[in-house]
Amino acid sequence: MNQKELTELIRHFCEERDWDQFHSIKDLSIGLSTESNELLQLFRFKDEKQCEEYLANNRKKVEDECADVYYYLLRLSDLYNIDLNQALENKMKDNHKKYPKELVKGKNLKYNEYE
């Protein structure tokens, strides 16, 4: 399924359950943050090797948490008319300006740390 089809699937799922009333931008943002933190929790206190082992042995759990994050992001963008593809394209244009490759290549500094 593509992004549009997934958005329709989620919309239909929520409409069948009369959940629009619970999907304010604030509540969806909280849900997105909560699900992101549940993904983070899976890797908390693990070093890189342990993270890779965890992923190899618990891929379904990781995929489920990623799907939950994606669900909330698609739901929020659908209800509040945010074109995620356009938003990402615009953000990448901004990032090219904020992170010129000549200054940041091989560095993980925030844009205000290398100026």
PDB file of N, CA and C in Angstrom:
ATOM      1  N   MET A   1       0.836  -1.187   0.000  1.00  0.00           N
ATOM      2  CA  MET A   1       0.000   0.000   0.000  1.00  0.00           C
ATOM      3  C   MET A   1       0.879   1.248   0.000  1.00  0.00           C
ATOM      4  N   ASN A   2       0.421   2.277  -0.679  1.00  0.00           N
ATOM      5  CA  ASN A   2       1.147   3.533  -0.649  1.00  0.00           C
ATOM      6  C   ASN A   2       0.611   4.423   0.482  1.00  0.00           C
ATOM      7  N   GLN A   3       1.210   5.567   0.659  1.00  0.00           N
ATOM      8  CA  GLN A   3       0.842   6.462   1.768  1.00  0.00           C
ATOM      9  C   GLN A   3      -0.625   6.873   1.699  1.00  0.00           C
ATOM     10  N   LYS A   4      -1.103   7.179   0.537  1.00  0.00           N
ATOM     11  CA  LYS A   4      -2.507   7.588   0.378  1.00  0.00           C
ATOM     12  C   LYS A   4      -3.455   6.453   0.779  1.00  0.00           C
ATOM     13  N   GLU A   5      -3.151   5.253   0.338  1.00  0.00           N
ATOM     14  CA  GLU A   5      -3.983   4.100   0.683  1.00  0.00           C
ATOM     15  C   GLU A   5      -3.949   3.812   2.184  1.00  0.00           C
ATOM     16  N   LEU A   6      -2.783   3.952   2.786  1.00  0.00           N
ATOM     17  CA  LEU A   6      -2.679   3.742   4.230  1.00  0.00           C
ATOM     18  C   LEU A   6      -3.469   4.802   4.999  1.00  0.00           C
ATOM     19  N   THR A   7      -3.405   6.031   4.531  1.00  0.00           N
ATOM     20  CA  THR A   7      -4.175   7.109   5.163  1.00  0.00           C
ATOM     21  C   THR A   7      -5.663   6.809   5.083  1.00  0.00           C
ATOM     22  N   GLU A   8      -6.130   6.339   3.942  1.00  0.00           N
ATOM     23  CA  GLU A   8      -7.538   5.964   3.768  1.00  0.00           C
ATOM     24  C   GLU A   8      -7.913   4.808   4.699  1.00  0.00           C
ATOM     25  N   LEU A   9      -7.039   3.845   4.821  1.00  0.00           N
ATOM     26  CA  LEU A   9      -7.272   2.701   5.706  1.00  0.00           C
ATOM     27  C   LEU A   9      -7.447   3.172   7.152  1.00  0.00           C
ATOM     28  N   ILE A  10      -6.564   4.054   7.581  1.00  0.00           N
ATOM     29  CA  ILE A  10      -6.635   4.591   8.942  1.00  0.00           C
ATOM     30  C   ILE A  10      -7.903   5.424   9.120  1.00  0.00           C
ATOM     31  N   ARG A  11      -8.216   6.277   8.136  1.00  0.00           N
ATOM     32  CA  ARG A  11      -9.414   7.112   8.215  1.00  0.00           C
ATOM     33  C   ARG A  11     -10.663   6.251   8.386  1.00  0.00           C
ATOM     34  N   HIS A  12     -10.764   5.220   7.555  1.00  0.00           N
ATOM     35  CA  HIS A  12     -11.928   4.326   7.619  1.00  0.00           C
ATOM     36  C   HIS A  12     -11.989   3.614   8.982  1.00  0.00           C
ATOM     37  N   PHE A  13     -10.863   3.129   9.443  1.00  0.00           N
ATOM     38  CA  PHE A  13     -10.783   2.460  10.741  1.00  0.00           C
ATOM     39  C   PHE A  13     -11.299   3.379  11.853  1.00  0.00           C
ATOM     40  N   CYS A  14     -10.848   4.633  11.839  1.00  0.00           N
ATOM     41  CA  CYS A  14     -11.237   5.590  12.883  1.00  0.00           C
ATOM     42  C   CYS A  14     -12.697   6.020  12.757  1.00  0.00           C
ATOM     43  N   GLU A  15     -13.157   6.200  11.528  1.00  0.00           N
ATOM     44  CA  GLU A  15     -14.555   6.583  11.314  1.00  0.00           C
ATOM     45  C   GLU A  15     -15.501   5.500  11.800  1.00  0.00           C
ATOM     46  N   GLU A  16     -15.169   4.242  11.555  1.00  0.00           N
ATOM     47  CA  GLU A  16     -16.002   3.125  12.011  1.00  0.00           C
ATOM     48  C   GLU A  16     -16.122   3.099  13.532  1.00  0.00           C
ATOM     49  N   ARG A  17     -15.151   3.643  14.210  1.00  0.00           N
ATOM     50  CA  ARG A  17     -15.123   3.613  15.669  1.00  0.00           C
ATOM     51  C   ARG A  17     -15.496   4.956  16.296  1.00  0.00           C
ATOM     52  N   ASP A  18     -15.828   5.929  15.463  1.00  0.00           N
ATOM     53  CA  ASP A  18     -16.190   7.281  15.917  1.00  0.00           C
ATOM     54  C   ASP A  18     -15.090   7.878  16.790  1.00  0.00           C
ATOM     55  N   TRP A  19     -13.869   7.801  16.299  1.00  0.00           N
ATOM     56  CA  TRP A  19     -12.719   8.272  17.069  1.00  0.00           C
ATOM     57  C   TRP A  19     -12.276   9.688  16.723  1.00  0.00           C
ATOM     58  N   ASP A  20     -12.876  10.314  15.704  1.00  0.00           N
ATOM     59  CA  ASP A  20     -12.472  11.679  15.365  1.00  0.00           C
ATOM     60  C   ASP A  20     -12.541  12.592  16.578  1.00  0.00           C
ATOM     61  N   GLN A  21     -13.519  12.365  17.429  1.00  0.00           N
ATOM     62  CA  GLN A  21     -13.704  13.203  18.616  1.00  0.00           C
ATOM     63  C   GLN A  21     -12.507  13.158  19.568  1.00  0.00           C
ATOM     64  N   PHE A  22     -11.686  12.151  19.443  1.00  0.00           N
ATOM     65  CA  PHE A  22     -10.524  11.998  20.316  1.00  0.00           C
ATOM     66  C   PHE A  22      -9.223  12.420  19.631  1.00  0.00           C
ATOM     67  N   HIS A  23      -9.321  12.897  18.399  1.00  0.00           N
ATOM     68  CA  HIS A  23      -8.129  13.137  17.606  1.00  0.00           C
ATOM     69  C   HIS A  23      -7.884  14.619  17.341  1.00  0.00           C
ATOM     70  N   SER A  24      -7.801  15.365  18.418  1.00  0.00           N
ATOM     71  CA  SER A  24      -7.375  16.763  18.288  1.00  0.00           C
ATOM     72  C   SER A  24      -5.894  16.763  17.939  1.00  0.00           C
ATOM     73  N   ILE A  25      -5.418  17.882  17.446  1.00  0.00           N
ATOM     74  CA  ILE A  25      -3.992  17.946  17.105  1.00  0.00           C
ATOM     75  C   ILE A  25      -3.126  17.731  18.345  1.00  0.00           C
ATOM     76  N   LYS A  26      -3.596  18.212  19.483  1.00  0.00           N
ATOM     77  CA  LYS A  26      -2.856  18.011  20.736  1.00  0.00           C
ATOM     78  C   LYS A  26      -2.804  16.524  21.093  1.00  0.00           C
ATOM     79  N   ASP A  27      -3.951  15.850  21.048  1.00  0.00           N
ATOM     80  CA  ASP A  27      -3.984  14.446  21.444  1.00  0.00           C
ATOM     81  C   ASP A  27      -3.220  13.556  20.469  1.00  0.00           C
ATOM     82  N   LEU A  28      -3.292  13.870  19.180  1.00  0.00           N
ATOM     83  CA  LEU A  28      -2.511  13.094  18.216  1.00  0.00           C
ATOM     84  C   LEU A  28      -1.021  13.343  18.389  1.00  0.00           C
ATOM     85  N   SER A  29      -0.649  14.567  18.720  1.00  0.00           N
ATOM     86  CA  SER A  29       0.763  14.871  18.977  1.00  0.00           C
ATOM     87  C   SER A  29       1.262  14.132  20.209  1.00  0.00           C
ATOM     88  N   ILE A  30       0.433  14.068  21.230  1.00  0.00           N
ATOM     89  CA  ILE A  30       0.790  13.308  22.429  1.00  0.00           C
ATOM     90  C   ILE A  30       0.935  11.826  22.080  1.00  0.00           C
ATOM     91  N   GLY A  31       0.007  11.303  21.293  1.00  0.00           N
ATOM     92  CA  GLY A  31       0.086   9.903  20.877  1.00  0.00           C
ATOM     93  C   GLY A  31       1.344   9.624  20.078  1.00  0.00           C
ATOM     94  N   LEU A  32       1.690  10.532  19.192  1.00  0.00           N
ATOM     95  CA  LEU A  32       2.906  10.390  18.393  1.00  0.00           C
ATOM     96  C   LEU A  32       4.143  10.363  19.282  1.00  0.00           C
ATOM     97  N   SER A  33       4.177  11.257  20.241  1.00  0.00           N
ATOM     98  CA  SER A  33       5.303  11.294  21.172  1.00  0.00           C
ATOM     99  C   SER A  33       5.350  10.030  22.028  1.00  0.00           C
ATOM    100  N   THR A  34       4.210   9.603  22.507  1.00  0.00           N
ATOM    101  CA  THR A  34       4.138   8.408  23.340  1.00  0.00           C
ATOM    102  C   THR A  34       4.638   7.185  22.576  1.00  0.00           C
ATOM    103  N   GLU A  35       4.173   7.033  21.355  1.00  0.00           N
ATOM    104  CA  GLU A  35       4.599   5.879  20.560  1.00  0.00           C
ATOM    105  C   GLU A  35       6.081   5.959  20.209  1.00  0.00           C
ATOM    106  N   SER A  36       6.577   7.151  19.948  1.00  0.00           N
ATOM    107  CA  SER A  36       8.014   7.312  19.688  1.00  0.00           C
ATOM    108  C   SER A  36       8.825   6.896  20.899  1.00  0.00           C
ATOM    109  N   ASN A  37       8.333   7.249  22.064  1.00  0.00           N
ATOM    110  CA  ASN A  37       9.036   6.870  23.294  1.00  0.00           C
ATOM    111  C   ASN A  37       8.942   5.374  23.575  1.00  0.00           C
ATOM    112  N   GLU A  38       7.854   4.745  23.161  1.00  0.00           N
ATOM    113  CA  GLU A  38       7.762   3.289  23.302  1.00  0.00           C
ATOM    114  C   GLU A  38       8.791   2.605  22.398  1.00  0.00           C
ATOM    115  N   LEU A  39       9.037   3.168  21.229  1.00  0.00           N
ATOM    116  CA  LEU A  39      10.097   2.657  20.362  1.00  0.00           C
ATOM    117  C   LEU A  39      11.458   2.847  21.031  1.00  0.00           C
ATOM    118  N   LEU A  40      11.679   4.021  21.558  1.00  0.00           N
ATOM    119  CA  LEU A  40      12.930   4.317  22.249  1.00  0.00           C
ATOM    120  C   LEU A  40      13.142   3.386  23.444  1.00  0.00           C
ATOM    121  N   GLN A  41      12.092   3.092  24.165  1.00  0.00           N
ATOM    122  CA  GLN A  41      12.174   2.233  25.346  1.00  0.00           C
ATOM    123  C   GLN A  41      12.767   0.862  25.023  1.00  0.00           C
ATOM    124  N   LEU A  42      12.491   0.370  23.817  1.00  0.00           N
ATOM    125  CA  LEU A  42      13.012  -0.944  23.432  1.00  0.00           C
ATOM    126  C   LEU A  42      14.535  -0.983  23.411  1.00  0.00           C
ATOM    127  N   PHE A  43      15.169   0.175  23.209  1.00  0.00           N
ATOM    128  CA  PHE A  43      16.623   0.230  23.078  1.00  0.00           C
ATOM    129  C   PHE A  43      17.310   0.924  24.248  1.00  0.00           C
ATOM    130  N   ARG A  44      16.533   1.337  25.204  1.00  0.00           N
ATOM    131  CA  ARG A  44      17.080   2.065  26.353  1.00  0.00           C
ATOM    132  C   ARG A  44      18.098   1.211  27.106  1.00  0.00           C
ATOM    133  N   PHE A  45      19.185   1.844  27.471  1.00  0.00           N
ATOM    134  CA  PHE A  45      20.268   1.228  28.240  1.00  0.00           C
ATOM    135  C   PHE A  45      20.985   0.100  27.503  1.00  0.00           C
ATOM    136  N   LYS A  46      20.880   0.078  26.179  1.00  0.00           N
ATOM    137  CA  LYS A  46      21.588  -0.929  25.395  1.00  0.00           C
ATOM    138  C   LYS A  46      22.675  -0.236  24.579  1.00  0.00           C
ATOM    139  N   ASP A  47      23.825  -0.900  24.452  1.00  0.00           N
ATOM    140  CA  ASP A  47      24.848  -0.355  23.571  1.00  0.00           C
ATOM    141  C   ASP A  47      24.505  -0.748  22.128  1.00  0.00           C
ATOM    142  N   GLU A  48      25.318  -0.305  21.201  1.00  0.00           N
ATOM    143  CA  GLU A  48      25.010  -0.525  19.780  1.00  0.00           C
ATOM    144  C   GLU A  48      24.868  -2.004  19.439  1.00  0.00           C
ATOM    145  N   LYS A  49      25.767  -2.823  19.962  1.00  0.00           N
ATOM    146  CA  LYS A  49      25.694  -4.269  19.691  1.00  0.00           C
ATOM    147  C   LYS A  49      24.424  -4.876  20.273  1.00  0.00           C
ATOM    148  N   GLN A  50      24.076  -4.484  21.493  1.00  0.00           N
ATOM    149  CA  GLN A  50      22.857  -4.989  22.118  1.00  0.00           C
ATOM    150  C   GLN A  50      21.616  -4.544  21.350  1.00  0.00           C
ATOM    151  N   CYS A  51      21.645  -3.332  20.821  1.00  0.00           N
ATOM    152  CA  CYS A  51      20.521  -2.829  20.021  1.00  0.00           C
ATOM    153  C   CYS A  51      20.339  -3.674  18.764  1.00  0.00           C
ATOM    154  N   GLU A  52      21.439  -3.970  18.108  1.00  0.00           N
ATOM    155  CA  GLU A  52      21.363  -4.784  16.894  1.00  0.00           C
ATOM    156  C   GLU A  52      20.868  -6.196  17.207  1.00  0.00           C
ATOM    157  N   GLU A  53      21.328  -6.756  18.318  1.00  0.00           N
ATOM    158  CA  GLU A  53      20.858  -8.087  18.736  1.00  0.00           C
ATOM    159  C   GLU A  53      19.379  -8.050  19.082  1.00  0.00           C
ATOM    160  N   TYR A  54      18.978  -6.990  19.767  1.00  0.00           N
ATOM    161  CA  TYR A  54      17.563  -6.858  20.133  1.00  0.00           C
ATOM    162  C   TYR A  54      16.698  -6.801  18.873  1.00  0.00           C
ATOM    163  N   LEU A  55      17.112  -5.998  17.925  1.00  0.00           N
ATOM    164  CA  LEU A  55      16.361  -5.890  16.676  1.00  0.00           C
ATOM    165  C   LEU A  55      16.279  -7.240  15.971  1.00  0.00           C
ATOM    166  N   ALA A  56      17.386  -7.952  15.913  1.00  0.00           N
ATOM    167  CA  ALA A  56      17.403  -9.257  15.252  1.00  0.00           C
ATOM    168  C   ALA A  56      16.458 -10.252  15.928  1.00  0.00           C
ATOM    169  N   ASN A  57      16.351 -10.161  17.251  1.00  0.00           N
ATOM    170  CA  ASN A  57      15.542 -11.125  18.005  1.00  0.00           C
ATOM    171  C   ASN A  57      14.119 -10.650  18.287  1.00  0.00           C
ATOM    172  N   ASN A  58      13.847  -9.373  18.062  1.00  0.00           N
ATOM    173  CA  ASN A  58      12.537  -8.807  18.416  1.00  0.00           C
ATOM    174  C   ASN A  58      12.013  -7.887  17.312  1.00  0.00           C
ATOM    175  N   ARG A  59      12.270  -8.257  16.096  1.00  0.00           N
ATOM    176  CA  ARG A  59      11.927  -7.403  14.962  1.00  0.00           C
ATOM    177  C   ARG A  59      10.443  -7.015  14.955  1.00  0.00           C
ATOM    178  N   LYS A  60       9.555  -7.932  15.277  1.00  0.00           N
ATOM    179  CA  LYS A  60       8.112  -7.657  15.267  1.00  0.00           C
ATOM    180  C   LYS A  60       7.766  -6.543  16.242  1.00  0.00           C
ATOM    181  N   LYS A  61       8.347  -6.556  17.445  1.00  0.00           N
ATOM    182  CA  LYS A  61       8.089  -5.491  18.423  1.00  0.00           C
ATOM    183  C   LYS A  61       8.536  -4.137  17.878  1.00  0.00           C
ATOM    184  N   VAL A  62       9.701  -4.100  17.271  1.00  0.00           N
ATOM    185  CA  VAL A  62      10.229  -2.852  16.710  1.00  0.00           C
ATOM    186  C   VAL A  62       9.331  -2.383  15.564  1.00  0.00           C
ATOM    187  N   GLU A  63       8.965  -3.300  14.698  1.00  0.00           N
ATOM    188  CA  GLU A  63       8.079  -2.941  13.579  1.00  0.00           C
ATOM    189  C   GLU A  63       6.735  -2.426  14.082  1.00  0.00           C
ATOM    190  N   ASP A  64       6.192  -3.054  15.117  1.00  0.00           N
ATOM    191  CA  ASP A  64       4.909  -2.602  15.676  1.00  0.00           C
ATOM    192  C   ASP A  64       5.007  -1.183  16.209  1.00  0.00           C
ATOM    193  N   GLU A  65       6.087  -0.874  16.903  1.00  0.00           N
ATOM    194  CA  GLU A  65       6.249   0.490  17.427  1.00  0.00           C
ATOM    195  C   GLU A  65       6.456   1.492  16.301  1.00  0.00           C
ATOM    196  N   CYS A  66       7.216   1.115  15.282  1.00  0.00           N
ATOM    197  CA  CYS A  66       7.376   1.991  14.112  1.00  0.00           C
ATOM    198  C   CYS A  66       6.022   2.223  13.442  1.00  0.00           C
ATOM    199  N   ALA A  67       5.229   1.174  13.334  1.00  0.00           N
ATOM    200  CA  ALA A  67       3.901   1.298  12.727  1.00  0.00           C
ATOM    201  C   ALA A  67       3.006   2.221  13.555  1.00  0.00           C
ATOM    202  N   ASP A  68       3.090   2.135  14.869  1.00  0.00           N
ATOM    203  CA  ASP A  68       2.295   3.026  15.724  1.00  0.00           C
ATOM    204  C   ASP A  68       2.683   4.485  15.503  1.00  0.00           C
ATOM    205  N   VAL A  69       3.969   4.758  15.380  1.00  0.00           N
ATOM    206  CA  VAL A  69       4.438   6.119  15.111  1.00  0.00           C
ATOM    207  C   VAL A  69       3.893   6.583  13.762  1.00  0.00           C
ATOM    208  N   TYR A  70       3.995   5.739  12.766  1.00  0.00           N
ATOM    209  CA  TYR A  70       3.527   6.065  11.423  1.00  0.00           C
ATOM    210  C   TYR A  70       2.016   6.305  11.413  1.00  0.00           C
ATOM    211  N   TYR A  71       1.282   5.478  12.140  1.00  0.00           N
ATOM    212  CA  TYR A  71      -0.167   5.626  12.257  1.00  0.00           C
ATOM    213  C   TYR A  71      -0.516   7.033  12.753  1.00  0.00           C
ATOM    214  N   TYR A  72       0.083   7.435  13.858  1.00  0.00           N
ATOM    215  CA  TYR A  72      -0.232   8.751  14.424  1.00  0.00           C
ATOM    216  C   TYR A  72       0.183   9.879  13.487  1.00  0.00           C
ATOM    217  N   LEU A  73       1.299   9.721  12.830  1.00  0.00           N
ATOM    218  CA  LEU A  73       1.757  10.748  11.901  1.00  0.00           C
ATOM    219  C   LEU A  73       0.799  10.869  10.705  1.00  0.00           C
ATOM    220  N   LEU A  74       0.390   9.736  10.155  1.00  0.00           N
ATOM    221  CA  LEU A  74      -0.553   9.773   9.040  1.00  0.00           C
ATOM    222  C   LEU A  74      -1.913  10.320   9.470  1.00  0.00           C
ATOM    223  N   ARG A  75      -2.350   9.937  10.642  1.00  0.00           N
ATOM    224  CA  ARG A  75      -3.655  10.412  11.130  1.00  0.00           C
ATOM    225  C   ARG A  75      -3.633  11.919  11.338  1.00  0.00           C
ATOM    226  N   LEU A  76      -2.598  12.422  11.967  1.00  0.00           N
ATOM    227  CA  LEU A  76      -2.470  13.857  12.212  1.00  0.00           C
ATOM    228  C   LEU A  76      -2.405  14.615  10.883  1.00  0.00           C
ATOM    229  N   SER A  77      -1.611  14.132   9.965  1.00  0.00           N
ATOM    230  CA  SER A  77      -1.463  14.836   8.689  1.00  0.00           C
ATOM    231  C   SER A  77      -2.764  14.807   7.887  1.00  0.00           C
ATOM    232  N   ASP A  78      -3.505  13.732   7.992  1.00  0.00           N
ATOM    233  CA  ASP A  78      -4.777  13.632   7.277  1.00  0.00           C
ATOM    234  C   ASP A  78      -5.804  14.604   7.844  1.00  0.00           C
ATOM    235  N   LEU A  79      -5.978  14.590   9.144  1.00  0.00           N
ATOM    236  CA  LEU A  79      -7.007  15.437   9.761  1.00  0.00           C
ATOM    237  C   LEU A  79      -6.682  16.919   9.689  1.00  0.00           C
ATOM    238  N   TYR A  80      -5.408  17.257   9.626  1.00  0.00           N
ATOM    239  CA  TYR A  80      -5.013  18.668   9.677  1.00  0.00           C
ATOM    240  C   TYR A  80      -4.350  19.137   8.376  1.00  0.00           C
ATOM    241  N   ASN A  81      -4.645  18.398   7.296  1.00  0.00           N
ATOM    242  CA  ASN A  81      -4.248  18.800   5.942  1.00  0.00           C
ATOM    243  C   ASN A  81      -2.771  19.166   5.824  1.00  0.00           C
ATOM    244  N   ILE A  82      -1.937  18.278   6.296  1.00  0.00           N
ATOM    245  CA  ILE A  82      -0.497  18.448   6.172  1.00  0.00           C
ATOM    246  C   ILE A  82      -0.019  17.466   5.106  1.00  0.00           C
ATOM    247  N   ASP A  83       0.523  17.988   4.045  1.00  0.00           N
ATOM    248  CA  ASP A  83       1.075  17.159   2.985  1.00  0.00           C
ATOM    249  C   ASP A  83       2.482  16.750   3.434  1.00  0.00           C
ATOM    250  N   LEU A  84       2.604  15.538   3.936  1.00  0.00           N
ATOM    251  CA  LEU A  84       3.881  15.087   4.488  1.00  0.00           C
ATOM    252  C   LEU A  84       4.999  15.085   3.452  1.00  0.00           C
ATOM    253  N   ASN A  85       4.684  14.701   2.240  1.00  0.00           N
ATOM    254  CA  ASN A  85       5.718  14.688   1.200  1.00  0.00           C
ATOM    255  C   ASN A  85       6.226  16.095   0.921  1.00  0.00           C
ATOM    256  N   GLN A  86       5.317  17.045   0.797  1.00  0.00           N
ATOM    257  CA  GLN A  86       5.719  18.427   0.550  1.00  0.00           C
ATOM    258  C   GLN A  86       6.445  18.997   1.761  1.00  0.00           C
ATOM    259  N   ALA A  87       5.947  18.682   2.952  1.00  0.00           N
ATOM    260  CA  ALA A  87       6.592  19.174   4.169  1.00  0.00           C
ATOM    261  C   ALA A  87       8.028  18.660   4.265  1.00  0.00           C
ATOM    262  N   LEU A  88       8.234  17.386   3.944  1.00  0.00           N
ATOM    263  CA  LEU A  88       9.582  16.825   3.998  1.00  0.00           C
ATOM    264  C   LEU A  88      10.473  17.437   2.919  1.00  0.00           C
ATOM    265  N   GLU A  89       9.921  17.628   1.735  1.00  0.00           N
ATOM    266  CA  GLU A  89      10.694  18.262   0.671  1.00  0.00           C
ATOM    267  C   GLU A  89      11.132  19.667   1.095  1.00  0.00           C
ATOM    268  N   ASN A  90      10.218  20.435   1.673  1.00  0.00           N
ATOM    269  CA  ASN A  90      10.545  21.782   2.146  1.00  0.00           C
ATOM    270  C   ASN A  90      11.589  21.745   3.256  1.00  0.00           C
ATOM    271  N   LYS A  91      11.437  20.793   4.174  1.00  0.00           N
ATOM    272  CA  LYS A  91      12.378  20.668   5.282  1.00  0.00           C
ATOM    273  C   LYS A  91      13.774  20.308   4.780  1.00  0.00           C
ATOM    274  N   MET A  92      13.846  19.453   3.772  1.00  0.00           N
ATOM    275  CA  MET A  92      15.152  19.084   3.220  1.00  0.00           C
ATOM    276  C   MET A  92      15.816  20.281   2.549  1.00  0.00           C
ATOM    277  N   LYS A  93      15.047  21.142   1.921  1.00  0.00           N
ATOM    278  CA  LYS A  93      15.607  22.375   1.351  1.00  0.00           C
ATOM    279  C   LYS A  93      16.202  23.227   2.465  1.00  0.00           C
ATOM    280  N   ASP A  94      15.471  23.354   3.572  1.00  0.00           N
ATOM    281  CA  ASP A  94      15.976  24.096   4.729  1.00  0.00           C
ATOM    282  C   ASP A  94      17.245  23.442   5.279  1.00  0.00           C
ATOM    283  N   ASN A  95      17.239  22.120   5.362  1.00  0.00           N
ATOM    284  CA  ASN A  95      18.392  21.399   5.904  1.00  0.00           C
ATOM    285  C   ASN A  95      19.639  21.576   5.046  1.00  0.00           C
ATOM    286  N   HIS A  96      19.460  21.644   3.743  1.00  0.00           N
ATOM    287  CA  HIS A  96      20.617  21.883   2.867  1.00  0.00           C
ATOM    288  C   HIS A  96      21.260  23.226   3.195  1.00  0.00           C
ATOM    289  N   LYS A  97      20.461  24.209   3.544  1.00  0.00           N
ATOM    290  CA  LYS A  97      20.989  25.530   3.903  1.00  0.00           C
ATOM    291  C   LYS A  97      21.622  25.503   5.290  1.00  0.00           C
ATOM    292  N   LYS A  98      20.956  24.819   6.230  1.00  0.00           N
ATOM    293  CA  LYS A  98      21.443  24.784   7.608  1.00  0.00           C
ATOM    294  C   LYS A  98      22.663  23.898   7.780  1.00  0.00           C
ATOM    295  N   TYR A  99      22.786  22.899   6.929  1.00  0.00           N
ATOM    296  CA  TYR A  99      23.870  21.925   7.050  1.00  0.00           C
ATOM    297  C   TYR A  99      24.633  21.794   5.728  1.00  0.00           C
ATOM    298  N   PRO A 100      25.375  22.828   5.335  1.00  0.00           N
ATOM    299  CA  PRO A 100      26.137  22.718   4.084  1.00  0.00           C
ATOM    300  C   PRO A 100      27.207  21.637   4.203  1.00  0.00           C
ATOM    301  N   LYS A 101      27.246  20.801   3.194  1.00  0.00           N
ATOM    302  CA  LYS A 101      28.148  19.637   3.267  1.00  0.00           C
ATOM    303  C   LYS A 101      29.597  20.024   3.486  1.00  0.00           C
ATOM    304  N   GLU A 102      29.979  21.181   3.002  1.00  0.00           N
ATOM    305  CA  GLU A 102      31.365  21.622   3.166  1.00  0.00           C
ATOM    306  C   GLU A 102      31.725  21.847   4.639  1.00  0.00           C
ATOM    307  N   LEU A 103      30.730  22.184   5.448  1.00  0.00           N
ATOM    308  CA  LEU A 103      30.982  22.482   6.856  1.00  0.00           C
ATOM    309  C   LEU A 103      30.682  21.313   7.798  1.00  0.00           C
ATOM    310  N   VAL A 104      29.827  20.409   7.379  1.00  0.00           N
ATOM    311  CA  VAL A 104      29.359  19.393   8.334  1.00  0.00           C
ATOM    312  C   VAL A 104      29.708  17.952   7.961  1.00  0.00           C
ATOM    313  N   LYS A 105      30.315  17.762   6.820  1.00  0.00           N
ATOM    314  CA  LYS A 105      30.597  16.389   6.391  1.00  0.00           C
ATOM    315  C   LYS A 105      31.408  15.650   7.454  1.00  0.00           C
ATOM    316  N   GLY A 106      30.863  14.498   7.883  1.00  0.00           N
ATOM    317  CA  GLY A 106      31.538  13.674   8.881  1.00  0.00           C
ATOM    318  C   GLY A 106      31.359  14.159  10.311  1.00  0.00           C
ATOM    319  N   LYS A 107      30.525  15.188  10.514  1.00  0.00           N
ATOM    320  CA  LYS A 107      30.299  15.733  11.860  1.00  0.00           C
ATOM    321  C   LYS A 107      28.830  15.577  12.216  1.00  0.00           C
ATOM    322  N   ASN A 108      28.559  15.449  13.495  1.00  0.00           N
ATOM    323  CA  ASN A 108      27.165  15.345  13.926  1.00  0.00           C
ATOM    324  C   ASN A 108      26.770  16.534  14.791  1.00  0.00           C
ATOM    325  N   LEU A 109      27.230  17.691  14.410  1.00  0.00           N
ATOM    326  CA  LEU A 109      26.931  18.911  15.158  1.00  0.00           C
ATOM    327  C   LEU A 109      25.608  19.499  14.702  1.00  0.00           C
ATOM    328  N   LYS A 110      24.933  20.154  15.625  1.00  0.00           N
ATOM    329  CA  LYS A 110      23.730  20.894  15.284  1.00  0.00           C
ATOM    330  C   LYS A 110      24.143  22.146  14.527  1.00  0.00           C
ATOM    331  N   TYR A 111      23.252  22.643  13.693  1.00  0.00           N
ATOM    332  CA  TYR A 111      23.592  23.776  12.816  1.00  0.00           C
ATOM    333  C   TYR A 111      24.140  24.997  13.559  1.00  0.00           C
ATOM    334  N   ASN A 112      23.756  25.210  14.805  1.00  0.00           N
ATOM    335  CA  ASN A 112      24.246  26.367  15.537  1.00  0.00           C
ATOM    336  C   ASN A 112      25.563  26.092  16.288  1.00  0.00           C
ATOM    337  N   GLU A 113      26.091  24.884  16.165  1.00  0.00           N
ATOM    338  CA  GLU A 113      27.328  24.531  16.844  1.00  0.00           C
ATOM    339  C   GLU A 113      28.562  24.638  15.949  1.00  0.00           C
ATOM    340  N   TYR A 114      28.393  24.711  14.665  1.00  0.00           N
ATOM    341  CA  TYR A 114      29.546  24.754  13.778  1.00  0.00           C
ATOM    342  C   TYR A 114      29.760  26.143  13.179  1.00  0.00           C
ATOM    343  N   GLU A 115      28.850  27.049  13.425  1.00  0.00           N
ATOM    344  CA  GLU A 115      28.985  28.399  12.866  1.00  0.00           C
ATOM    345  C   GLU A 115      29.945  29.247  13.666  1.00  0.00           C
TER     346      GLU A 115
END
